[in-house]
Amino acid sequence: MQKYIHYGSSSLREIDPIKNERFFTKPIGGLWASRKDSKFGWKDWCLRENFCTGSLDKSFEFFIKDDARILHLYNTA
């Protein structure tokens, strides 16, 4: 089972439905996370882009069931 990490809060809360937001580059809602062993994960991207860096001190780790519906992004372009 793969371990994931979410930044921005220290515990899981209710997950908002996913929806597109006009003029925003990514959908809002859902649960954004990276694999714990990722070579370039969410925290790395935020630091590189100077995006929401003030919330990177809070995080929690979790596992996902093998049959979960997950969108994997494999590049930064």
Protein backbone atom coordinates (compact mmCIF):
# COMPACT_ATOMS: atom_id res chain seq x y z
CA MET A 1 0.00 0.00 0.00
CA GLN A 2 1.36 3.42 -0.96
CA LYS A 3 1.74 6.20 1.65
CA TYR A 4 0.65 9.75 0.73
CA ILE A 5 1.15 13.14 2.39
CA HIS A 6 -1.13 16.17 2.35
CA TYR A 7 0.15 19.67 3.22
CA GLY A 8 -1.87 22.58 4.56
CA SER A 9 -3.58 20.96 7.55
CA SER A 10 -2.52 18.63 10.32
CA SER A 11 -5.55 16.32 10.15
CA LEU A 12 -8.15 15.11 7.68
CA ARG A 13 -11.36 17.12 7.62
CA GLU A 14 -14.45 16.85 5.45
CA ILE A 15 -13.43 16.80 1.79
CA ASP A 16 -15.17 19.36 -0.42
CA PRO A 17 -16.55 18.23 -3.81
CA ILE A 18 -14.22 18.84 -6.75
CA LYS A 19 -15.19 21.68 -9.08
CA ASN A 20 -13.51 23.94 -11.61
CA GLU A 21 -12.99 27.56 -10.67
CA ARG A 22 -12.94 30.19 -13.41
CA PHE A 23 -9.47 31.70 -13.99
CA PHE A 24 -7.82 29.23 -11.60
CA THR A 25 -5.29 26.71 -12.89
CA LYS A 26 -6.44 23.67 -10.91
CA PRO A 27 -9.78 22.38 -9.63
CA ILE A 28 -10.71 23.23 -6.06
CA GLY A 29 -11.93 20.67 -3.55
CA GLY A 30 -10.90 17.07 -3.24
CA LEU A 31 -7.74 16.10 -1.40
CA TRP A 32 -4.43 17.11 -3.00
CA ALA A 33 -1.49 14.99 -1.94
CA SER A 34 1.79 13.48 -3.09
CA ARG A 35 3.27 10.07 -2.62
CA LYS A 36 5.45 10.16 0.47
CA ASP A 37 8.42 8.80 -1.50
CA SER A 38 7.92 11.12 -4.51
CA LYS A 39 11.08 12.62 -6.01
CA PHE A 40 9.20 15.88 -6.74
CA GLY A 41 5.98 16.24 -4.76
CA TRP A 42 3.54 18.97 -3.80
CA LYS A 43 5.85 20.51 -1.19
CA ASP A 44 8.70 20.71 -3.70
CA TRP A 45 6.45 22.36 -6.29
CA CYS A 46 5.12 24.90 -3.76
CA LEU A 47 8.64 25.84 -2.70
CA ARG A 48 9.80 26.17 -6.32
CA GLU A 49 6.81 28.33 -7.28
CA ASN A 50 6.57 30.20 -3.94
CA PHE A 51 2.94 29.02 -3.65
CA CYS A 52 1.21 28.71 -0.24
CA THR A 53 4.55 28.17 1.49
CA GLY A 54 3.14 29.40 4.80
CA SER A 55 1.01 26.27 5.15
CA LEU A 56 3.72 23.68 4.44
CA ASP A 57 4.52 23.28 8.14
CA LYS A 58 1.21 21.41 8.62
CA SER A 59 0.76 17.95 7.10
CA PHE A 60 -0.61 14.47 7.66
CA GLU A 61 0.12 11.09 6.11
CA PHE A 62 -2.36 8.45 4.98
CA PHE A 63 -2.81 5.32 2.90
CA ILE A 64 -5.23 4.87 0.00
CA LYS A 65 -7.16 1.72 -0.83
CA ASP A 66 -6.00 -0.05 -3.97
CA ASP A 67 -9.39 0.48 -5.69
CA ALA A 68 -9.62 4.25 -4.94
CA ARG A 69 -10.25 6.70 -7.79
CA ILE A 70 -7.04 8.72 -8.07
CA LEU A 71 -5.68 11.07 -10.71
CA HIS A 72 -1.90 10.80 -10.92
CA LEU A 73 0.11 13.67 -12.42
CA TYR A 74 3.55 12.64 -13.62
CA ASN A 75 5.13 15.85 -14.88
CA THR A 76 5.25 19.55 -14.05
CA ALA A 77 4.51 20.88 -17.53
